[in-house]
Amino acid sequence: MTKHRHFLTAALTSLSLLAAPALAQSAAVDAALASGAVGEQADGYLGFARPPSPALKAEVDAINIKRRQGYTQVAQAKNVPIEAFAVSVGCNTLAKLKPGRAYNVGGAWAVKGNAPITLPSQCGG
């Protein structure tokens, strides 16, 4: 099994661990995700497709800190680099992204349509 598959397997088995904090986000973050102001990135973190308010930035930063803590915990347990694990989760998240949600691949923001996203090379795509 390749190293990338190990990362992806670890990512898939750990998504439930990381999903709990994401589900506990505020109505403001939910609205920003739905409007496309905030979206998923290939690096495993949320980003801003449009300039955020200070309050929204603080909330998204807090979510990203929790994600980083989760990635760190799992990556250390799996003995893989944290960034590589985060990218594996990010790639999996992008592959399953709902239509209408914003995402960033290669520095360009877009909105997911009905077609699959063309994943970046670090995702194996």
Foldseek 3Di string as FASTA:
>chain_A
DDPLVLLLVLLVVLVVVLVVVVVPADPVLVVCQLQQQWAAELQQAIDGPHDDDPVNVVRSVVSRVSSLVSLVVSCVVSVHDSSLSSNSNSLVCLQPPDANGWYDAPRDIDGHHPDRDDHDVSNVD
